Each structure stands twice: as C-alpha cells, then as structure tokens.
Amino acid sequence: MARGKRKMTTQVLDRKIEEQKAVLEKAKLKYEAEKETLADLIKLRNEMQKEELMEAVLKSEHSYAEIMAFIKGDSEE
C-alpha cells in the first residue's frame, strides 16, 4: 500500500521557520565573529608593515625628501 505525502500543518511550518531563524542567527553571529577576527588580523599586518617601513627609513642613507620624492614618483634627479 503506497503512502501519500503528509500534509504540513501551519504549526509544523511555524516550528520549521523558528528553527531556521535560529540557524540563521547562529550563522550570523559566527560570520560577525570571523569578520572581526579578519579585521584584527589586517590591522595587525598593517601595523607591522608600518613599523617595518619606519625601520627601513631610519636605516636608510637617503633623506626624508628623497624618500618622499621616490614614493610619490617624482623623477627629479
């Protein structure tokens, strides 16, 4: 004997909707946490690059004006 497809009731649909809302909220919280971690890592990398650049400038035999001209692409030599 073949079974027919069970009809969904509004209570079943309401429960499924609430469950899906909970799943979505959990995913949203995880996404926000991951997004914040990524922002922190990018900020840390940028700070490290700034420090590295500053150390290179301080160790350089070139003047500030020469370094700025190079960075800006000025071709006065």
PDB file of N, CA and C in Angstrom:
ATOM      1  N   MET A   1       0.839  -1.158   0.000  1.00  0.00           N
ATOM      2  CA  MET A   1       0.000   0.000   0.000  1.00  0.00           C
ATOM      3  C   MET A   1       0.898   1.238   0.000  1.00  0.00           C
ATOM      4  N   ALA A   2       0.708   2.124  -0.935  1.00  0.00           N
ATOM      5  CA  ALA A   2       1.532   3.325  -1.065  1.00  0.00           C
ATOM      6  C   ALA A   2       1.051   4.403  -0.108  1.00  0.00           C
ATOM      7  N   ARG A   3       2.028   5.066   0.482  1.00  0.00           N
ATOM      8  CA  ARG A   3       1.670   6.152   1.399  1.00  0.00           C
ATOM      9  C   ARG A   3       1.594   7.449   0.622  1.00  0.00           C
ATOM     10  N   GLY A   4       0.666   8.276   0.982  1.00  0.00           N
ATOM     11  CA  GLY A   4       0.563   9.596   0.370  1.00  0.00           C
ATOM     12  C   GLY A   4       1.462  10.576   1.110  1.00  0.00           C
ATOM     13  N   LYS A   5       1.745  11.690   0.469  1.00  0.00           N
ATOM     14  CA  LYS A   5       2.568  12.708   1.087  1.00  0.00           C
ATOM     15  C   LYS A   5       1.781  13.357   2.215  1.00  0.00           C
ATOM     16  N   ARG A   6       2.447  13.466   3.393  1.00  0.00           N
ATOM     17  CA  ARG A   6       1.767  14.060   4.541  1.00  0.00           C
ATOM     18  C   ARG A   6       1.610  15.553   4.318  1.00  0.00           C
ATOM     19  N   LYS A   7       0.470  16.052   4.693  1.00  0.00           N
ATOM     20  CA  LYS A   7       0.254  17.486   4.607  1.00  0.00           C
ATOM     21  C   LYS A   7       0.967  18.167   5.763  1.00  0.00           C
ATOM     22  N   MET A   8       1.577  19.288   5.453  1.00  0.00           N
ATOM     23  CA  MET A   8       2.210  20.074   6.501  1.00  0.00           C
ATOM     24  C   MET A   8       1.150  20.973   7.115  1.00  0.00           C
ATOM     25  N   THR A   9       1.217  21.062   8.413  1.00  0.00           N
ATOM     26  CA  THR A   9       0.297  21.958   9.094  1.00  0.00           C
ATOM     27  C   THR A   9       0.998  23.282   9.338  1.00  0.00           C
ATOM     28  N   THR A  10       0.236  24.297   9.647  1.00  0.00           N
ATOM     29  CA  THR A  10       0.848  25.602   9.921  1.00  0.00           C
ATOM     30  C   THR A  10       1.716  25.537  11.169  1.00  0.00           C
ATOM     31  N   GLN A  11       1.372  24.677  12.129  1.00  0.00           N
ATOM     32  CA  GLN A  11       2.209  24.541  13.319  1.00  0.00           C
ATOM     33  C   GLN A  11       3.575  23.965  12.961  1.00  0.00           C
ATOM     34  N   VAL A  12       3.592  22.984  12.068  1.00  0.00           N
ATOM     35  CA  VAL A  12       4.850  22.386  11.637  1.00  0.00           C
ATOM     36  C   VAL A  12       5.678  23.428  10.891  1.00  0.00           C
ATOM     37  N   LEU A  13       5.041  24.173  10.014  1.00  0.00           N
ATOM     38  CA  LEU A  13       5.751  25.217   9.280  1.00  0.00           C
ATOM     39  C   LEU A  13       6.268  26.303  10.219  1.00  0.00           C
ATOM     40  N   ASP A  14       5.462  26.686  11.185  1.00  0.00           N
ATOM     41  CA  ASP A  14       5.906  27.697  12.155  1.00  0.00           C
ATOM     42  C   ASP A  14       7.134  27.216  12.925  1.00  0.00           C
ATOM     43  N   ARG A  15       7.112  25.950  13.325  1.00  0.00           N
ATOM     44  CA  ARG A  15       8.258  25.383  14.045  1.00  0.00           C
ATOM     45  C   ARG A  15       9.501  25.376  13.153  1.00  0.00           C
ATOM     46  N   LYS A  16       9.329  24.955  11.904  1.00  0.00           N
ATOM     47  CA  LYS A  16      10.453  24.925  10.973  1.00  0.00           C
ATOM     48  C   LYS A  16      10.985  26.337  10.716  1.00  0.00           C
ATOM     49  N   ILE A  17      10.113  27.306  10.620  1.00  0.00           N
ATOM     50  CA  ILE A  17      10.525  28.698  10.425  1.00  0.00           C
ATOM     51  C   ILE A  17      11.339  29.171  11.618  1.00  0.00           C
ATOM     52  N   GLU A  18      10.889  28.896  12.811  1.00  0.00           N
ATOM     53  CA  GLU A  18      11.623  29.300  14.017  1.00  0.00           C
ATOM     54  C   GLU A  18      12.981  28.614  14.099  1.00  0.00           C
ATOM     55  N   GLU A  19      13.014  27.327  13.750  1.00  0.00           N
ATOM     56  CA  GLU A  19      14.287  26.606  13.747  1.00  0.00           C
ATOM     57  C   GLU A  19      15.251  27.227  12.738  1.00  0.00           C
ATOM     58  N   GLN A  20      14.730  27.575  11.564  1.00  0.00           N
ATOM     59  CA  GLN A  20      15.582  28.161  10.539  1.00  0.00           C
ATOM     60  C   GLN A  20      16.059  29.556  10.952  1.00  0.00           C
ATOM     61  N   LYS A  21      15.217  30.310  11.635  1.00  0.00           N
ATOM     62  CA  LYS A  21      15.635  31.616  12.151  1.00  0.00           C
ATOM     63  C   LYS A  21      16.782  31.461  13.144  1.00  0.00           C
ATOM     64  N   ALA A  22      16.693  30.442  13.994  1.00  0.00           N
ATOM     65  CA  ALA A  22      17.746  30.192  14.973  1.00  0.00           C
ATOM     66  C   ALA A  22      19.054  29.806  14.273  1.00  0.00           C
ATOM     67  N   VAL A  23      18.949  28.969  13.254  1.00  0.00           N
ATOM     68  CA  VAL A  23      20.132  28.561  12.485  1.00  0.00           C
ATOM     69  C   VAL A  23      20.759  29.787  11.824  1.00  0.00           C
ATOM     70  N   LEU A  24      19.940  30.635  11.249  1.00  0.00           N
ATOM     71  CA  LEU A  24      20.422  31.839  10.578  1.00  0.00           C
ATOM     72  C   LEU A  24      21.074  32.799  11.562  1.00  0.00           C
ATOM     73  N   GLU A  25      20.496  32.966  12.725  1.00  0.00           N
ATOM     74  CA  GLU A  25      21.067  33.853  13.745  1.00  0.00           C
ATOM     75  C   GLU A  25      22.420  33.329  14.213  1.00  0.00           C
ATOM     76  N   LYS A  26      22.525  32.033  14.394  1.00  0.00           N
ATOM     77  CA  LYS A  26      23.801  31.432  14.801  1.00  0.00           C
ATOM     78  C   LYS A  26      24.864  31.651  13.722  1.00  0.00           C
ATOM     79  N   ALA A  27      24.476  31.478  12.471  1.00  0.00           N
ATOM     80  CA  ALA A  27      25.411  31.690  11.361  1.00  0.00           C
ATOM     81  C   ALA A  27      25.832  33.154  11.285  1.00  0.00           C
ATOM     82  N   LYS A  28      24.898  34.053  11.543  1.00  0.00           N
ATOM     83  CA  LYS A  28      25.195  35.483  11.519  1.00  0.00           C
ATOM     84  C   LYS A  28      26.202  35.837  12.611  1.00  0.00           C
ATOM     85  N   LEU A  29      26.020  35.296  13.804  1.00  0.00           N
ATOM     86  CA  LEU A  29      26.944  35.557  14.901  1.00  0.00           C
ATOM     87  C   LEU A  29      28.336  35.024  14.579  1.00  0.00           C
ATOM     88  N   LYS A  30      28.399  33.845  13.994  1.00  0.00           N
ATOM     89  CA  LYS A  30      29.691  33.264  13.607  1.00  0.00           C
ATOM     90  C   LYS A  30      30.342  34.123  12.531  1.00  0.00           C
ATOM     91  N   TYR A  31      29.565  34.576  11.552  1.00  0.00           N
ATOM     92  CA  TYR A  31      30.080  35.437  10.489  1.00  0.00           C
ATOM     93  C   TYR A  31      30.652  36.724  11.075  1.00  0.00           C
ATOM     94  N   GLU A  32      29.927  37.350  11.980  1.00  0.00           N
ATOM     95  CA  GLU A  32      30.380  38.600  12.587  1.00  0.00           C
ATOM     96  C   GLU A  32      31.676  38.389  13.371  1.00  0.00           C
ATOM     97  N   ALA A  33      31.777  37.275  14.073  1.00  0.00           N
ATOM     98  CA  ALA A  33      32.998  36.981  14.828  1.00  0.00           C
ATOM     99  C   ALA A  33      34.170  36.764  13.880  1.00  0.00           C
ATOM    100  N   GLU A  34      33.947  36.036  12.801  1.00  0.00           N
ATOM    101  CA  GLU A  34      35.002  35.795  11.820  1.00  0.00           C
ATOM    102  C   GLU A  34      35.409  37.091  11.132  1.00  0.00           C
ATOM    103  N   LYS A  35      34.438  37.940  10.851  1.00  0.00           N
ATOM    104  CA  LYS A  35      34.705  39.227  10.222  1.00  0.00           C
ATOM    105  C   LYS A  35      35.570  40.103  11.135  1.00  0.00           C
ATOM    106  N   GLU A  36      35.280  40.082  12.421  1.00  0.00           N
ATOM    107  CA  GLU A  36      36.057  40.850  13.394  1.00  0.00           C
ATOM    108  C   GLU A  36      37.486  40.310  13.503  1.00  0.00           C
ATOM    109  N   THR A  37      37.626  38.993  13.485  1.00  0.00           N
ATOM    110  CA  THR A  37      38.957  38.378  13.522  1.00  0.00           C
ATOM    111  C   THR A  37      39.765  38.799  12.300  1.00  0.00           C
ATOM    112  N   LEU A  38      39.134  38.788  11.134  1.00  0.00           N
ATOM    113  CA  LEU A  38      39.806  39.207   9.913  1.00  0.00           C
ATOM    114  C   LEU A  38      40.244  40.663  10.008  1.00  0.00           C
ATOM    115  N   ALA A  39      39.379  41.533  10.501  1.00  0.00           N
ATOM    116  CA  ALA A  39      39.722  42.953  10.649  1.00  0.00           C
ATOM    117  C   ALA A  39      40.902  43.132  11.594  1.00  0.00           C
ATOM    118  N   ASP A  40      40.918  42.380  12.678  1.00  0.00           N
ATOM    119  CA  ASP A  40      42.036  42.450  13.631  1.00  0.00           C
ATOM    120  C   ASP A  40      43.344  42.007  12.988  1.00  0.00           C
ATOM    121  N   LEU A  41      43.295  40.933  12.216  1.00  0.00           N
ATOM    122  CA  LEU A  41      44.498  40.437  11.547  1.00  0.00           C
ATOM    123  C   LEU A  41      45.013  41.445  10.518  1.00  0.00           C
ATOM    124  N   ILE A  42      44.113  42.055   9.770  1.00  0.00           N
ATOM    125  CA  ILE A  42      44.513  43.061   8.787  1.00  0.00           C
ATOM    126  C   ILE A  42      45.137  44.263   9.485  1.00  0.00           C
ATOM    127  N   LYS A  43      44.534  44.684  10.589  1.00  0.00           N
ATOM    128  CA  LYS A  43      45.069  45.815  11.354  1.00  0.00           C
ATOM    129  C   LYS A  43      46.468  45.495  11.873  1.00  0.00           C
ATOM    130  N   LEU A  44      46.660  44.293  12.388  1.00  0.00           N
ATOM    131  CA  LEU A  44      47.964  43.870  12.893  1.00  0.00           C
ATOM    132  C   LEU A  44      49.000  43.854  11.771  1.00  0.00           C
ATOM    133  N   ARG A  45      48.625  43.310  10.621  1.00  0.00           N
ATOM    134  CA  ARG A  45      49.544  43.281   9.478  1.00  0.00           C
ATOM    135  C   ARG A  45      49.940  44.697   9.063  1.00  0.00           C
ATOM    136  N   ASN A  46      48.972  45.597   9.002  1.00  0.00           N
ATOM    137  CA  ASN A  46      49.258  46.969   8.602  1.00  0.00           C
ATOM    138  C   ASN A  46      50.191  47.659   9.598  1.00  0.00           C
ATOM    139  N   GLU A  47      49.986  47.408  10.877  1.00  0.00           N
ATOM    140  CA  GLU A  47      50.860  47.986  11.901  1.00  0.00           C
ATOM    141  C   GLU A  47      52.290  47.448  11.759  1.00  0.00           C
ATOM    142  N   MET A  48      52.413  46.158  11.482  1.00  0.00           N
ATOM    143  CA  MET A  48      53.732  45.559  11.305  1.00  0.00           C
ATOM    144  C   MET A  48      54.421  46.144  10.066  1.00  0.00           C
ATOM    145  N   GLN A  49      53.659  46.350   8.999  1.00  0.00           N
ATOM    146  CA  GLN A  49      54.233  46.923   7.791  1.00  0.00           C
ATOM    147  C   GLN A  49      54.687  48.363   8.028  1.00  0.00           C
ATOM    148  N   LYS A  50      53.912  49.117   8.797  1.00  0.00           N
ATOM    149  CA  LYS A  50      54.298  50.495   9.124  1.00  0.00           C
ATOM    150  C   LYS A  50      55.607  50.504   9.908  1.00  0.00           C
ATOM    151  N   GLU A  51      55.721  49.628  10.887  1.00  0.00           N
ATOM    152  CA  GLU A  51      56.948  49.540  11.681  1.00  0.00           C
ATOM    153  C   GLU A  51      58.137  49.154  10.807  1.00  0.00           C
ATOM    154  N   GLU A  52      57.934  48.197   9.926  1.00  0.00           N
ATOM    155  CA  GLU A  52      58.994  47.747   9.034  1.00  0.00           C
ATOM    156  C   GLU A  52      59.429  48.890   8.109  1.00  0.00           C
ATOM    157  N   LEU A  53      58.475  49.631   7.594  1.00  0.00           N
ATOM    158  CA  LEU A  53      58.786  50.758   6.726  1.00  0.00           C
ATOM    159  C   LEU A  53      59.545  51.846   7.486  1.00  0.00           C
ATOM    160  N   MET A  54      59.090  52.124   8.700  1.00  0.00           N
ATOM    161  CA  MET A  54      59.763  53.150   9.503  1.00  0.00           C
ATOM    162  C   MET A  54      61.200  52.741   9.814  1.00  0.00           C
ATOM    163  N   GLU A  55      61.436  51.482  10.139  1.00  0.00           N
ATOM    164  CA  GLU A  55      62.792  50.998  10.394  1.00  0.00           C
ATOM    165  C   GLU A  55      63.660  51.144   9.152  1.00  0.00           C
ATOM    166  N   ALA A  56      63.100  50.839   7.993  1.00  0.00           N
ATOM    167  CA  ALA A  56      63.851  50.958   6.742  1.00  0.00           C
ATOM    168  C   ALA A  56      64.201  52.424   6.465  1.00  0.00           C
ATOM    169  N   VAL A  57      63.273  53.325   6.731  1.00  0.00           N
ATOM    170  CA  VAL A  57      63.521  54.757   6.522  1.00  0.00           C
ATOM    171  C   VAL A  57      64.617  55.237   7.459  1.00  0.00           C
ATOM    172  N   LEU A  58      64.543  54.822   8.709  1.00  0.00           N
ATOM    173  CA  LEU A  58      65.545  55.257   9.682  1.00  0.00           C
ATOM    174  C   LEU A  58      66.940  54.729   9.349  1.00  0.00           C
ATOM    175  N   LYS A  59      67.017  53.531   8.808  1.00  0.00           N
ATOM    176  CA  LYS A  59      68.304  52.932   8.469  1.00  0.00           C
ATOM    177  C   LYS A  59      68.835  53.424   7.118  1.00  0.00           C
ATOM    178  N   SER A  60      67.989  54.064   6.347  1.00  0.00           N
ATOM    179  CA  SER A  60      68.362  54.486   5.002  1.00  0.00           C
ATOM    180  C   SER A  60      69.352  55.637   5.039  1.00  0.00           C
ATOM    181  N   GLU A  61      70.175  55.697   4.007  1.00  0.00           N
ATOM    182  CA  GLU A  61      71.119  56.809   3.880  1.00  0.00           C
ATOM    183  C   GLU A  61      70.491  57.977   3.122  1.00  0.00           C
ATOM    184  N   HIS A  62      69.263  57.795   2.660  1.00  0.00           N
ATOM    185  CA  HIS A  62      68.573  58.838   1.918  1.00  0.00           C
ATOM    186  C   HIS A  62      67.825  59.769   2.875  1.00  0.00           C
ATOM    187  N   SER A  63      67.638  61.001   2.431  1.00  0.00           N
ATOM    188  CA  SER A  63      66.922  61.976   3.248  1.00  0.00           C
ATOM    189  C   SER A  63      65.416  61.732   3.157  1.00  0.00           C
ATOM    190  N   TYR A  64      64.714  62.352   4.062  1.00  0.00           N
ATOM    191  CA  TYR A  64      63.245  62.262   4.061  1.00  0.00           C
ATOM    192  C   TYR A  64      62.701  62.756   2.726  1.00  0.00           C
ATOM    193  N   ALA A  65      63.222  63.874   2.245  1.00  0.00           N
ATOM    194  CA  ALA A  65      62.750  64.456   0.983  1.00  0.00           C
ATOM    195  C   ALA A  65      62.987  63.491  -0.183  1.00  0.00           C
ATOM    196  N   GLU A  66      64.133  62.835  -0.193  1.00  0.00           N
ATOM    197  CA  GLU A  66      64.432  61.880  -1.261  1.00  0.00           C
ATOM    198  C   GLU A  66      63.487  60.679  -1.209  1.00  0.00           C
ATOM    199  N   ILE A  67      63.239  60.209  -0.028  1.00  0.00           N
ATOM    200  CA  ILE A  67      62.332  59.061   0.133  1.00  0.00           C
ATOM    201  C   ILE A  67      60.918  59.436  -0.290  1.00  0.00           C
ATOM    202  N   MET A  68      60.447  60.601   0.131  1.00  0.00           N
ATOM    203  CA  MET A  68      59.103  61.044  -0.243  1.00  0.00           C
ATOM    204  C   MET A  68      58.991  61.260  -1.744  1.00  0.00           C
ATOM    205  N   ALA A  69      60.023  61.816  -2.358  1.00  0.00           N
ATOM    206  CA  ALA A  69      60.012  62.016  -3.805  1.00  0.00           C
ATOM    207  C   ALA A  69      59.928  60.674  -4.521  1.00  0.00           C
ATOM    208  N   PHE A  70      60.668  59.692  -4.022  1.00  0.00           N
ATOM    209  CA  PHE A  70      60.634  58.358  -4.624  1.00  0.00           C
ATOM    210  C   PHE A  70      59.240  57.746  -4.495  1.00  0.00           C
ATOM    211  N   ILE A  71      58.682  57.846  -3.318  1.00  0.00           N
ATOM    212  CA  ILE A  71      57.357  57.257  -3.080  1.00  0.00           C
ATOM    213  C   ILE A  71      56.301  57.915  -3.951  1.00  0.00           C
ATOM    214  N   LYS A  72      56.386  59.231  -4.075  1.00  0.00           N
ATOM    215  CA  LYS A  72      55.399  59.967  -4.871  1.00  0.00           C
ATOM    216  C   LYS A  72      55.651  59.843  -6.366  1.00  0.00           C
ATOM    217  N   GLY A  73      56.818  59.290  -6.737  1.00  0.00           N
ATOM    218  CA  GLY A  73      57.091  59.069  -8.143  1.00  0.00           C
ATOM    219  C   GLY A  73      57.708  60.265  -8.834  1.00  0.00           C
ATOM    220  N   ASP A  74      58.193  61.232  -8.064  1.00  0.00           N
ATOM    221  CA  ASP A  74      58.860  62.395  -8.657  1.00  0.00           C
ATOM    222  C   ASP A  74      60.155  61.926  -9.294  1.00  0.00           C
ATOM    223  N   SER A  75      60.417  62.358 -10.517  1.00  0.00           N
ATOM    224  CA  SER A  75      61.598  61.895 -11.225  1.00  0.00           C
ATOM    225  C   SER A  75      62.664  62.978 -11.328  1.00  0.00           C
ATOM    226  N   GLU A  76      62.807  63.765 -10.290  1.00  0.00           N
ATOM    227  CA  GLU A  76      63.852  64.798 -10.281  1.00  0.00           C
ATOM    228  C   GLU A  76      65.143  64.188  -9.781  1.00  0.00           C
ATOM    229  N   GLU A  77      66.127  64.174 -10.629  1.00  0.00           N
ATOM    230  CA  GLU A  77      67.434  63.639 -10.236  1.00  0.00           C
ATOM    231  C   GLU A  77      68.518  64.514 -10.754  1.00  0.00           C
TER     232      GLU A  77
END
